[in-house]
Amino acid sequence: RMPLETCTSRDQWHPADSLRLTARHRATCFTSVSPVVFTRPCNDAFLEKMDANGNVVFATFLGGSMDDTGAQIAFDSEGSIFVAGLTGGSFPTTPGGASRSTEKGVFVTKFSGDGKRILYSVVLPAQSGLVFALDRNGYAYVGGSTGANHAFVAKLSPDGSTLLYNATITGTSSEAVLGLAS
C-alpha cells in the first residue's frame, strides 16, 4: 500500500468532522472499510472518516465505470454528508432521484452521517465545472459550466427527488458560475 499522498490528485479535509474527500485514487492505494459504493477501483472519488485517534471509521469508493472526481463536501444540520463532483458517465444514481442520467456530468450524492447509506445520488447531464452549496433547509445548489460554455445553476430538494430549477445563463462568450452562497 502506497502512502496516501502519492495516490490522490486533490484532497478536501474537514478536521472538525474527520472527513476527507479525495478527487481520485488508484486501486493500489486504498482499502475500503464498510463500503457503501464500490464499482471500479480506479480513478473514482472516495470518502473517508476517521475517529479522534486516526482510525478509519468508514471509507468508500464513489463512482461508476468511467472516471469520477470528487470536488466538494458539505454537511446539513442533521449531519448528512454531501459529496459533489464530476463524472465521466455511468455514475450510480438512486431510484426516485431528480436526475438519473448515465451521461457525463455533475453528481451530487447524499450519505447518512454514519456513511452507511446513500440517501440520494443524482447526475445532471452534460455539464462541467462545479461549485456547490447547501442552505439551512437542506436544499442543494450546484453551479458551473455547460458543454456549450454557458453557466448553469441548479437547485435540488432536500431529499433529492426534485430538480426545482436548472437555469442556463448565456452570453456572447464563455460563462461560468464561480461561487454560490446559500
N, C-alpha and C. Protein backbone atom coordinates (compact mmCIF):
# COMPACT_ATOMS: atom_id res chain seq x y z
N ARG A 1 0.85 -1.18 0.00
CA ARG A 1 0.00 0.00 0.00
C ARG A 1 0.89 1.23 0.00
N MET A 2 0.63 2.14 -0.92
CA MET A 2 1.43 3.36 -1.07
C MET A 2 0.95 4.42 -0.09
N PRO A 3 1.82 5.36 0.28
CA PRO A 3 1.36 6.47 1.11
C PRO A 3 0.23 7.20 0.39
N LEU A 4 -0.80 7.60 1.12
CA LEU A 4 -1.97 8.21 0.52
C LEU A 4 -1.62 9.45 -0.28
N GLU A 5 -0.61 10.20 0.15
CA GLU A 5 -0.26 11.43 -0.54
C GLU A 5 0.14 11.17 -1.99
N THR A 6 0.67 10.00 -2.28
CA THR A 6 1.11 9.72 -3.65
C THR A 6 -0.01 9.14 -4.50
N CYS A 7 -1.15 8.91 -3.92
CA CYS A 7 -2.24 8.24 -4.63
C CYS A 7 -3.33 9.18 -5.09
N THR A 8 -3.37 10.38 -4.61
CA THR A 8 -4.52 11.23 -4.84
C THR A 8 -4.13 12.47 -5.62
N SER A 9 -5.12 13.01 -6.32
CA SER A 9 -4.87 14.22 -7.09
C SER A 9 -5.31 15.48 -6.36
N ARG A 10 -6.25 15.37 -5.44
CA ARG A 10 -6.71 16.54 -4.70
C ARG A 10 -7.51 16.07 -3.50
N ASP A 11 -7.24 16.61 -2.33
CA ASP A 11 -7.99 16.26 -1.12
C ASP A 11 -8.73 17.48 -0.61
N GLN A 12 -9.87 17.24 0.01
CA GLN A 12 -10.56 18.22 0.83
C GLN A 12 -10.65 17.60 2.20
N TRP A 13 -10.13 18.26 3.19
CA TRP A 13 -10.06 17.72 4.54
C TRP A 13 -10.86 18.60 5.47
N HIS A 14 -11.72 18.01 6.26
CA HIS A 14 -12.52 18.73 7.24
C HIS A 14 -12.16 18.20 8.62
N PRO A 15 -11.14 18.77 9.28
CA PRO A 15 -10.64 18.23 10.54
C PRO A 15 -11.70 18.12 11.63
N ALA A 16 -12.61 19.09 11.72
CA ALA A 16 -13.62 19.05 12.78
C ALA A 16 -14.52 17.82 12.63
N ASP A 17 -14.72 17.38 11.41
CA ASP A 17 -15.59 16.24 11.16
C ASP A 17 -14.81 14.98 10.84
N SER A 18 -13.47 15.07 10.81
CA SER A 18 -12.60 13.94 10.49
C SER A 18 -12.99 13.27 9.18
N LEU A 19 -13.34 14.10 8.20
CA LEU A 19 -13.73 13.57 6.89
C LEU A 19 -12.76 14.03 5.83
N ARG A 20 -12.50 13.15 4.88
CA ARG A 20 -11.68 13.52 3.75
C ARG A 20 -12.37 13.05 2.48
N LEU A 21 -12.48 13.94 1.51
CA LEU A 21 -12.94 13.59 0.18
C LEU A 21 -11.73 13.72 -0.73
N THR A 22 -11.46 12.69 -1.47
CA THR A 22 -10.35 12.75 -2.40
C THR A 22 -10.88 12.64 -3.80
N ALA A 23 -10.35 13.49 -4.66
CA ALA A 23 -10.84 13.58 -6.02
C ALA A 23 -10.66 12.27 -6.78
N ARG A 24 -9.48 11.71 -6.75
CA ARG A 24 -9.23 10.46 -7.47
C ARG A 24 -8.24 9.62 -6.69
N HIS A 25 -8.27 8.35 -6.96
CA HIS A 25 -7.31 7.45 -6.34
C HIS A 25 -6.97 6.35 -7.33
N ARG A 26 -5.91 5.64 -7.05
CA ARG A 26 -5.56 4.46 -7.83
C ARG A 26 -5.85 3.23 -6.98
N ALA A 27 -6.17 2.14 -7.62
CA ALA A 27 -6.61 0.92 -6.94
C ALA A 27 -5.63 0.42 -5.89
N THR A 28 -4.34 0.59 -6.10
CA THR A 28 -3.35 0.05 -5.17
C THR A 28 -3.19 0.89 -3.92
N CYS A 29 -3.90 2.00 -3.84
CA CYS A 29 -3.66 2.96 -2.77
C CYS A 29 -4.68 2.95 -1.66
N PHE A 30 -5.75 2.24 -1.80
CA PHE A 30 -6.87 2.50 -0.93
C PHE A 30 -7.59 1.20 -0.59
N THR A 31 -7.91 1.04 0.67
CA THR A 31 -8.68 -0.10 1.12
C THR A 31 -10.00 0.41 1.68
N SER A 32 -11.12 -0.08 1.17
CA SER A 32 -12.41 0.40 1.66
C SER A 32 -12.78 -0.33 2.94
N VAL A 33 -13.42 0.40 3.85
CA VAL A 33 -13.88 -0.13 5.12
C VAL A 33 -15.36 0.20 5.22
N SER A 34 -16.21 -0.79 5.42
CA SER A 34 -17.65 -0.59 5.43
C SER A 34 -18.10 0.18 4.19
N PRO A 35 -17.77 -0.31 2.98
CA PRO A 35 -18.08 0.46 1.78
C PRO A 35 -19.57 0.56 1.51
N VAL A 36 -19.96 1.71 1.01
CA VAL A 36 -21.32 1.91 0.57
C VAL A 36 -21.39 1.63 -0.92
N VAL A 37 -20.45 2.18 -1.67
CA VAL A 37 -20.43 2.03 -3.12
C VAL A 37 -19.06 1.53 -3.52
N PHE A 38 -19.03 0.47 -4.29
CA PHE A 38 -17.77 0.01 -4.85
C PHE A 38 -18.07 -0.45 -6.25
N THR A 39 -17.63 0.29 -7.23
CA THR A 39 -17.94 -0.10 -8.59
C THR A 39 -16.68 -0.43 -9.39
N ARG A 40 -15.69 0.41 -9.35
CA ARG A 40 -14.48 0.19 -10.11
C ARG A 40 -13.34 0.89 -9.37
N PRO A 41 -12.41 0.17 -8.83
CA PRO A 41 -11.37 0.80 -8.02
C PRO A 41 -10.29 1.47 -8.86
N CYS A 42 -10.68 2.43 -9.66
CA CYS A 42 -9.70 3.14 -10.48
C CYS A 42 -10.27 4.50 -10.83
N ASN A 43 -9.56 5.54 -10.47
CA ASN A 43 -9.96 6.90 -10.80
C ASN A 43 -11.39 7.23 -10.41
N ASP A 44 -11.76 6.90 -9.21
CA ASP A 44 -13.04 7.29 -8.64
C ASP A 44 -12.78 8.15 -7.41
N ALA A 45 -13.81 8.85 -6.98
CA ALA A 45 -13.71 9.60 -5.72
C ALA A 45 -13.74 8.61 -4.57
N PHE A 46 -13.24 9.03 -3.41
CA PHE A 46 -13.50 8.26 -2.21
C PHE A 46 -13.74 9.18 -1.04
N LEU A 47 -14.49 8.68 -0.10
CA LEU A 47 -14.84 9.41 1.11
C LEU A 47 -14.36 8.59 2.28
N GLU A 48 -13.72 9.24 3.23
CA GLU A 48 -13.14 8.55 4.38
C GLU A 48 -13.42 9.35 5.64
N LYS A 49 -13.80 8.66 6.71
CA LYS A 49 -13.98 9.29 8.01
C LYS A 49 -13.13 8.56 9.03
N MET A 50 -12.43 9.34 9.87
CA MET A 50 -11.58 8.77 10.91
C MET A 50 -12.04 9.23 12.28
N ASP A 51 -11.76 8.42 13.31
CA ASP A 51 -12.07 8.82 14.67
C ASP A 51 -10.96 9.72 15.20
N ALA A 52 -11.09 10.16 16.43
CA ALA A 52 -10.13 11.09 17.04
C ALA A 52 -8.71 10.51 17.11
N ASN A 53 -8.59 9.19 17.10
CA ASN A 53 -7.27 8.55 17.16
C ASN A 53 -6.69 8.25 15.78
N GLY A 54 -7.39 8.67 14.72
CA GLY A 54 -6.89 8.44 13.37
C GLY A 54 -7.27 7.09 12.78
N ASN A 55 -8.13 6.33 13.48
CA ASN A 55 -8.59 5.05 12.95
C ASN A 55 -9.72 5.29 11.95
N VAL A 56 -9.73 4.52 10.89
CA VAL A 56 -10.76 4.68 9.88
C VAL A 56 -12.09 4.14 10.41
N VAL A 57 -13.12 5.00 10.41
CA VAL A 57 -14.47 4.62 10.80
C VAL A 57 -15.19 4.04 9.59
N PHE A 58 -15.11 4.74 8.48
CA PHE A 58 -15.60 4.21 7.21
C PHE A 58 -14.81 4.84 6.08
N ALA A 59 -14.77 4.14 4.98
CA ALA A 59 -14.11 4.62 3.77
C ALA A 59 -14.77 3.93 2.61
N THR A 60 -15.08 4.68 1.59
CA THR A 60 -15.77 4.09 0.46
C THR A 60 -15.36 4.74 -0.85
N PHE A 61 -15.35 3.95 -1.89
CA PHE A 61 -15.21 4.48 -3.24
C PHE A 61 -16.53 5.10 -3.63
N LEU A 62 -16.50 6.01 -4.56
CA LEU A 62 -17.72 6.59 -5.09
C LEU A 62 -17.52 6.84 -6.57
N GLY A 63 -18.21 6.06 -7.40
CA GLY A 63 -18.08 6.26 -8.83
C GLY A 63 -18.70 5.16 -9.64
N GLY A 64 -18.61 5.34 -10.94
CA GLY A 64 -19.16 4.38 -11.89
C GLY A 64 -18.06 3.77 -12.73
N SER A 65 -18.41 3.40 -13.95
CA SER A 65 -17.45 2.70 -14.80
C SER A 65 -16.51 3.66 -15.53
N MET A 66 -16.75 4.96 -15.45
CA MET A 66 -15.88 5.96 -16.06
C MET A 66 -15.16 6.70 -14.93
N ASP A 67 -14.24 7.59 -15.29
CA ASP A 67 -13.52 8.37 -14.29
C ASP A 67 -14.47 9.34 -13.59
N ASP A 68 -14.33 9.43 -12.27
CA ASP A 68 -15.17 10.31 -11.46
C ASP A 68 -14.29 11.08 -10.49
N THR A 69 -14.61 12.35 -10.27
CA THR A 69 -13.79 13.22 -9.45
C THR A 69 -14.64 13.88 -8.38
N GLY A 70 -14.31 13.68 -7.11
CA GLY A 70 -14.98 14.38 -6.03
C GLY A 70 -14.42 15.79 -5.93
N ALA A 71 -15.29 16.77 -5.70
CA ALA A 71 -14.84 18.16 -5.67
C ALA A 71 -15.23 18.90 -4.40
N GLN A 72 -16.37 18.58 -3.81
CA GLN A 72 -16.87 19.34 -2.66
C GLN A 72 -17.48 18.42 -1.62
N ILE A 73 -17.33 18.78 -0.35
CA ILE A 73 -18.02 18.13 0.76
C ILE A 73 -18.83 19.20 1.48
N ALA A 74 -20.04 18.84 1.88
CA ALA A 74 -20.86 19.74 2.69
C ALA A 74 -21.66 18.89 3.67
N PHE A 75 -22.19 19.54 4.71
CA PHE A 75 -22.94 18.84 5.75
C PHE A 75 -24.22 19.61 6.03
N ASP A 76 -25.32 18.88 6.22
CA ASP A 76 -26.55 19.56 6.59
C ASP A 76 -26.69 19.56 8.11
N SER A 77 -27.78 20.16 8.60
CA SER A 77 -27.97 20.29 10.05
C SER A 77 -28.20 18.95 10.74
N GLU A 78 -28.55 17.91 9.99
CA GLU A 78 -28.77 16.58 10.55
C GLU A 78 -27.51 15.72 10.52
N GLY A 79 -26.41 16.27 10.00
CA GLY A 79 -25.15 15.54 9.94
C GLY A 79 -24.95 14.71 8.69
N SER A 80 -25.89 14.77 7.74
CA SER A 80 -25.71 14.06 6.48
C SER A 80 -24.53 14.66 5.73
N ILE A 81 -23.88 13.83 4.94
CA ILE A 81 -22.68 14.22 4.21
C ILE A 81 -23.03 14.31 2.73
N PHE A 82 -22.74 15.44 2.13
CA PHE A 82 -22.96 15.64 0.70
C PHE A 82 -21.62 15.65 -0.01
N VAL A 83 -21.55 14.91 -1.10
CA VAL A 83 -20.36 14.90 -1.94
C VAL A 83 -20.81 15.32 -3.33
N ALA A 84 -20.13 16.29 -3.90
CA ALA A 84 -20.43 16.74 -5.26
C ALA A 84 -19.17 16.64 -6.09
N GLY A 85 -19.34 16.34 -7.36
CA GLY A 85 -18.18 16.21 -8.22
C GLY A 85 -18.57 16.03 -9.68
N LEU A 86 -17.61 15.58 -10.45
CA LEU A 86 -17.78 15.39 -11.89
C LEU A 86 -17.68 13.91 -12.22
N THR A 87 -18.51 13.47 -13.16
CA THR A 87 -18.47 12.07 -13.59
C THR A 87 -18.26 11.98 -15.09
N GLY A 88 -17.52 10.96 -15.49
CA GLY A 88 -17.33 10.68 -16.90
C GLY A 88 -18.49 9.90 -17.49
N GLY A 89 -19.41 9.45 -16.65
CA GLY A 89 -20.59 8.70 -17.10
C GLY A 89 -20.78 7.44 -16.30
N SER A 90 -21.95 6.85 -16.39
CA SER A 90 -22.31 5.60 -15.70
C SER A 90 -22.19 5.72 -14.19
N PHE A 91 -22.44 6.89 -13.64
CA PHE A 91 -22.35 7.11 -12.19
C PHE A 91 -23.58 6.50 -11.52
N PRO A 92 -23.42 5.86 -10.35
CA PRO A 92 -24.57 5.25 -9.67
C PRO A 92 -25.54 6.32 -9.15
N THR A 93 -26.82 6.16 -9.50
CA THR A 93 -27.86 7.06 -9.03
C THR A 93 -28.90 6.24 -8.25
N THR A 94 -29.73 6.92 -7.51
CA THR A 94 -30.74 6.24 -6.70
C THR A 94 -32.12 6.37 -7.35
N PRO A 95 -32.97 5.35 -7.17
CA PRO A 95 -34.34 5.44 -7.68
C PRO A 95 -35.05 6.64 -7.07
N GLY A 96 -35.85 7.31 -7.87
CA GLY A 96 -36.61 8.46 -7.37
C GLY A 96 -35.82 9.74 -7.34
N GLY A 97 -34.56 9.70 -7.77
CA GLY A 97 -33.74 10.91 -7.80
C GLY A 97 -34.21 11.87 -8.88
N ALA A 98 -33.91 13.15 -8.69
CA ALA A 98 -34.35 14.19 -9.61
C ALA A 98 -33.81 13.99 -11.02
N SER A 99 -32.61 13.48 -11.14
CA SER A 99 -32.00 13.26 -12.45
C SER A 99 -31.15 12.01 -12.36
N ARG A 100 -31.39 11.05 -13.25
CA ARG A 100 -30.69 9.77 -13.19
C ARG A 100 -29.91 9.54 -14.47
N SER A 101 -29.30 10.58 -14.98
CA SER A 101 -28.56 10.48 -16.23
C SER A 101 -27.39 9.52 -16.10
N THR A 102 -27.09 8.83 -17.18
CA THR A 102 -25.89 7.97 -17.20
C THR A 102 -24.80 8.63 -18.03
N GLU A 103 -25.01 9.90 -18.41
CA GLU A 103 -24.06 10.63 -19.21
C GLU A 103 -23.02 11.32 -18.33
N LYS A 104 -22.03 11.90 -19.00
CA LYS A 104 -21.05 12.75 -18.33
C LYS A 104 -21.78 13.92 -17.69
N GLY A 105 -21.34 14.33 -16.51
CA GLY A 105 -21.99 15.46 -15.86
C GLY A 105 -21.52 15.72 -14.45
N VAL A 106 -22.38 16.37 -13.70
CA VAL A 106 -22.13 16.76 -12.32
C VAL A 106 -22.97 15.85 -11.42
N PHE A 107 -22.33 15.27 -10.38
CA PHE A 107 -23.10 14.43 -9.46
C PHE A 107 -23.21 15.09 -8.10
N VAL A 108 -24.30 14.78 -7.41
CA VAL A 108 -24.50 15.13 -6.00
C VAL A 108 -24.97 13.86 -5.31
N THR A 109 -24.23 13.44 -4.29
CA THR A 109 -24.58 12.24 -3.53
C THR A 109 -24.68 12.62 -2.06
N LYS A 110 -25.78 12.20 -1.43
CA LYS A 110 -26.02 12.48 -0.01
C LYS A 110 -25.90 11.17 0.76
N PHE A 111 -24.95 11.12 1.69
CA PHE A 111 -24.74 9.97 2.57
C PHE A 111 -25.36 10.23 3.93
N SER A 112 -25.77 9.17 4.61
CA SER A 112 -26.15 9.29 6.01
C SER A 112 -24.90 9.71 6.79
N GLY A 113 -25.10 10.31 7.93
CA GLY A 113 -23.98 10.81 8.73
C GLY A 113 -22.99 9.73 9.15
N ASP A 114 -23.47 8.48 9.26
CA ASP A 114 -22.56 7.38 9.62
C ASP A 114 -21.88 6.76 8.40
N GLY A 115 -22.21 7.27 7.20
CA GLY A 115 -21.58 6.79 5.98
C GLY A 115 -22.07 5.43 5.51
N LYS A 116 -23.10 4.89 6.13
CA LYS A 116 -23.55 3.54 5.79
C LYS A 116 -24.60 3.48 4.69
N ARG A 117 -25.23 4.61 4.40
CA ARG A 117 -26.29 4.60 3.40
C ARG A 117 -26.16 5.80 2.48
N ILE A 118 -26.50 5.58 1.22
CA ILE A 118 -26.67 6.70 0.30
C ILE A 118 -28.14 7.08 0.34
N LEU A 119 -28.42 8.32 0.72
CA LEU A 119 -29.79 8.80 0.81
C LEU A 119 -30.30 9.24 -0.55
N TYR A 120 -29.42 9.83 -1.35
CA TYR A 120 -29.74 10.05 -2.76
C TYR A 120 -28.45 10.28 -3.53
N SER A 121 -28.55 10.01 -4.82
CA SER A 121 -27.43 10.26 -5.73
C SER A 121 -28.03 10.61 -7.09
N VAL A 122 -27.69 11.80 -7.59
CA VAL A 122 -28.22 12.29 -8.86
C VAL A 122 -27.08 12.78 -9.75
N VAL A 123 -27.33 12.79 -11.04
CA VAL A 123 -26.38 13.32 -12.01
C VAL A 123 -27.13 14.30 -12.91
N LEU A 124 -26.56 15.49 -13.06
CA LEU A 124 -27.09 16.46 -14.00
C LEU A 124 -26.24 16.33 -15.27
N PRO A 125 -26.85 16.01 -16.41
CA PRO A 125 -26.09 15.66 -17.61
C PRO A 125 -25.40 16.83 -18.31
N ALA A 126 -24.34 16.48 -19.05
CA ALA A 126 -23.66 17.37 -19.99
C ALA A 126 -23.23 18.69 -19.39
N GLN A 127 -22.72 18.67 -18.18
CA GLN A 127 -22.29 19.90 -17.54
C GLN A 127 -20.94 19.66 -16.88
N SER A 128 -20.15 20.70 -16.80
CA SER A 128 -18.82 20.57 -16.19
C SER A 128 -18.54 21.79 -15.33
N GLY A 129 -17.42 21.77 -14.63
CA GLY A 129 -17.14 22.83 -13.68
C GLY A 129 -18.05 22.63 -12.49
N LEU A 130 -17.66 23.07 -11.33
CA LEU A 130 -18.52 22.77 -10.19
C LEU A 130 -18.30 23.71 -9.03
N VAL A 131 -19.41 24.30 -8.57
CA VAL A 131 -19.48 24.94 -7.26
C VAL A 131 -20.71 24.36 -6.60
N PHE A 132 -20.70 24.30 -5.28
CA PHE A 132 -21.75 23.60 -4.55
C PHE A 132 -22.01 24.31 -3.24
N ALA A 133 -23.29 24.38 -2.84
CA ALA A 133 -23.65 24.96 -1.55
C ALA A 133 -24.94 24.31 -1.05
N LEU A 134 -25.12 24.33 0.26
CA LEU A 134 -26.36 23.89 0.91
C LEU A 134 -26.94 25.06 1.67
N ASP A 135 -28.26 25.16 1.70
CA ASP A 135 -28.85 26.16 2.59
C ASP A 135 -29.26 25.50 3.90
N ARG A 136 -29.74 26.27 4.86
CA ARG A 136 -30.04 25.73 6.19
C ARG A 136 -31.21 24.76 6.19
N ASN A 137 -31.99 24.73 5.10
CA ASN A 137 -33.12 23.81 4.98
C ASN A 137 -32.77 22.54 4.22
N GLY A 138 -31.53 22.39 3.81
CA GLY A 138 -31.09 21.18 3.13
C GLY A 138 -31.22 21.18 1.63
N TYR A 139 -31.57 22.31 1.03
CA TYR A 139 -31.60 22.41 -0.42
C TYR A 139 -30.17 22.49 -0.95
N ALA A 140 -29.88 21.73 -2.00
CA ALA A 140 -28.54 21.71 -2.59
C ALA A 140 -28.53 22.56 -3.85
N TYR A 141 -27.48 23.37 -4.00
CA TYR A 141 -27.30 24.23 -5.16
C TYR A 141 -26.01 23.83 -5.86
N VAL A 142 -26.09 23.70 -7.18
CA VAL A 142 -24.94 23.30 -7.98
C VAL A 142 -24.80 24.31 -9.10
N GLY A 143 -23.58 24.69 -9.39
CA GLY A 143 -23.35 25.62 -10.49
C GLY A 143 -22.06 25.31 -11.21
N GLY A 144 -21.94 25.83 -12.42
CA GLY A 144 -20.73 25.62 -13.21
C GLY A 144 -20.96 26.00 -14.65
N SER A 145 -20.35 25.22 -15.55
CA SER A 145 -20.44 25.49 -16.98
C SER A 145 -21.08 24.32 -17.71
N THR A 146 -21.83 24.62 -18.75
CA THR A 146 -22.39 23.58 -19.60
C THR A 146 -21.37 23.20 -20.66
N GLY A 147 -21.66 22.17 -21.41
CA GLY A 147 -20.78 21.78 -22.50
C GLY A 147 -20.64 22.85 -23.57
N ALA A 148 -21.60 23.78 -23.64
CA ALA A 148 -21.58 24.86 -24.62
C ALA A 148 -20.95 26.14 -24.05
N ASN A 149 -20.23 26.02 -22.94
CA ASN A 149 -19.56 27.14 -22.27
C ASN A 149 -20.52 28.22 -21.78
N HIS A 150 -21.71 27.82 -21.40
CA HIS A 150 -22.64 28.72 -20.73
C HIS A 150 -22.68 28.33 -19.26
N ALA A 151 -23.13 29.23 -18.41
CA ALA A 151 -23.22 28.96 -16.98
C ALA A 151 -24.55 28.27 -16.67
N PHE A 152 -24.56 27.50 -15.58
CA PHE A 152 -25.81 26.92 -15.10
C PHE A 152 -25.84 26.99 -13.59
N VAL A 153 -27.05 27.06 -13.04
CA VAL A 153 -27.30 26.94 -11.61
C VAL A 153 -28.51 26.04 -11.45
N ALA A 154 -28.38 25.02 -10.59
CA ALA A 154 -29.47 24.08 -10.35
C ALA A 154 -29.74 24.00 -8.85
N LYS A 155 -31.00 23.70 -8.51
CA LYS A 155 -31.40 23.55 -7.10
C LYS A 155 -32.12 22.23 -6.94
N LEU A 156 -31.67 21.43 -5.96
CA LEU A 156 -32.27 20.13 -5.65
C LEU A 156 -33.02 20.20 -4.32
N SER A 157 -34.15 19.48 -4.25
CA SER A 157 -34.89 19.39 -3.00
C SER A 157 -34.06 18.64 -1.95
N PRO A 158 -34.37 18.81 -0.65
CA PRO A 158 -33.59 18.16 0.41
C PRO A 158 -33.52 16.63 0.29
N ASP A 159 -34.54 16.01 -0.29
CA ASP A 159 -34.49 14.55 -0.45
C ASP A 159 -33.97 14.11 -1.82
N GLY A 160 -33.59 15.08 -2.66
CA GLY A 160 -33.01 14.78 -3.96
C GLY A 160 -34.01 14.32 -5.01
N SER A 161 -35.30 14.33 -4.69
CA SER A 161 -36.29 13.80 -5.62
C SER A 161 -36.74 14.81 -6.68
N THR A 162 -36.49 16.09 -6.43
CA THR A 162 -36.99 17.12 -7.34
C THR A 162 -35.88 18.09 -7.72
N LEU A 163 -35.74 18.29 -9.02
CA LEU A 163 -34.88 19.35 -9.54
C LEU A 163 -35.76 20.58 -9.63
N LEU A 164 -35.61 21.50 -8.67
CA LEU A 164 -36.51 22.65 -8.58
C LEU A 164 -36.25 23.65 -9.69
N TYR A 165 -35.00 23.80 -10.08
CA TYR A 165 -34.67 24.54 -11.29
C TYR A 165 -33.28 24.15 -11.75
N ASN A 166 -33.07 24.36 -13.05
CA ASN A 166 -31.77 24.16 -13.68
C ASN A 166 -31.69 25.24 -14.75
N ALA A 167 -31.20 26.40 -14.35
CA ALA A 167 -31.18 27.57 -15.22
C ALA A 167 -29.85 27.68 -15.95
N THR A 168 -29.93 28.00 -17.23
CA THR A 168 -28.75 28.23 -18.04
C THR A 168 -28.61 29.72 -18.29
N ILE A 169 -27.42 30.24 -18.12
CA ILE A 169 -27.13 31.66 -18.32
C ILE A 169 -26.23 31.75 -19.54
N THR A 170 -26.72 32.43 -20.57
CA THR A 170 -25.97 32.51 -21.82
C THR A 170 -25.51 33.94 -22.07
N GLY A 171 -24.51 34.05 -22.90
CA GLY A 171 -23.97 35.35 -23.31
C GLY A 171 -23.23 35.18 -24.61
N THR A 172 -22.36 36.10 -24.90
CA THR A 172 -21.62 36.05 -26.16
C THR A 172 -20.24 35.43 -26.01
N SER A 173 -19.88 35.05 -24.81
CA SER A 173 -18.57 34.47 -24.56
C SER A 173 -18.75 33.24 -23.68
N SER A 174 -17.70 32.80 -23.03
CA SER A 174 -17.78 31.68 -22.09
C SER A 174 -18.23 32.19 -20.73
N GLU A 175 -19.26 31.58 -20.20
CA GLU A 175 -19.78 31.96 -18.89
C GLU A 175 -19.58 30.80 -17.92
N ALA A 176 -19.41 31.12 -16.64
CA ALA A 176 -19.27 30.10 -15.61
C ALA A 176 -19.72 30.66 -14.28
N VAL A 177 -20.21 29.81 -13.42
CA VAL A 177 -20.53 30.19 -12.05
C VAL A 177 -19.29 29.86 -11.22
N LEU A 178 -18.76 30.83 -10.54
CA LEU A 178 -17.53 30.65 -9.78
C LEU A 178 -17.75 30.49 -8.29
N GLY A 179 -18.95 30.78 -7.83
CA GLY A 179 -19.26 30.63 -6.41
C GLY A 179 -20.75 30.72 -6.17
N LEU A 180 -21.19 30.13 -5.07
CA LEU A 180 -22.58 30.19 -4.66
C LEU A 180 -22.63 30.48 -3.16
N ALA A 181 -23.63 31.24 -2.74
CA ALA A 181 -23.86 31.48 -1.32
C ALA A 181 -25.28 31.04 -1.01
N SER A 182 -25.45 30.42 0.14
CA SER A 182 -26.79 29.97 0.49
C SER A 182 -27.37 30.83 1.59
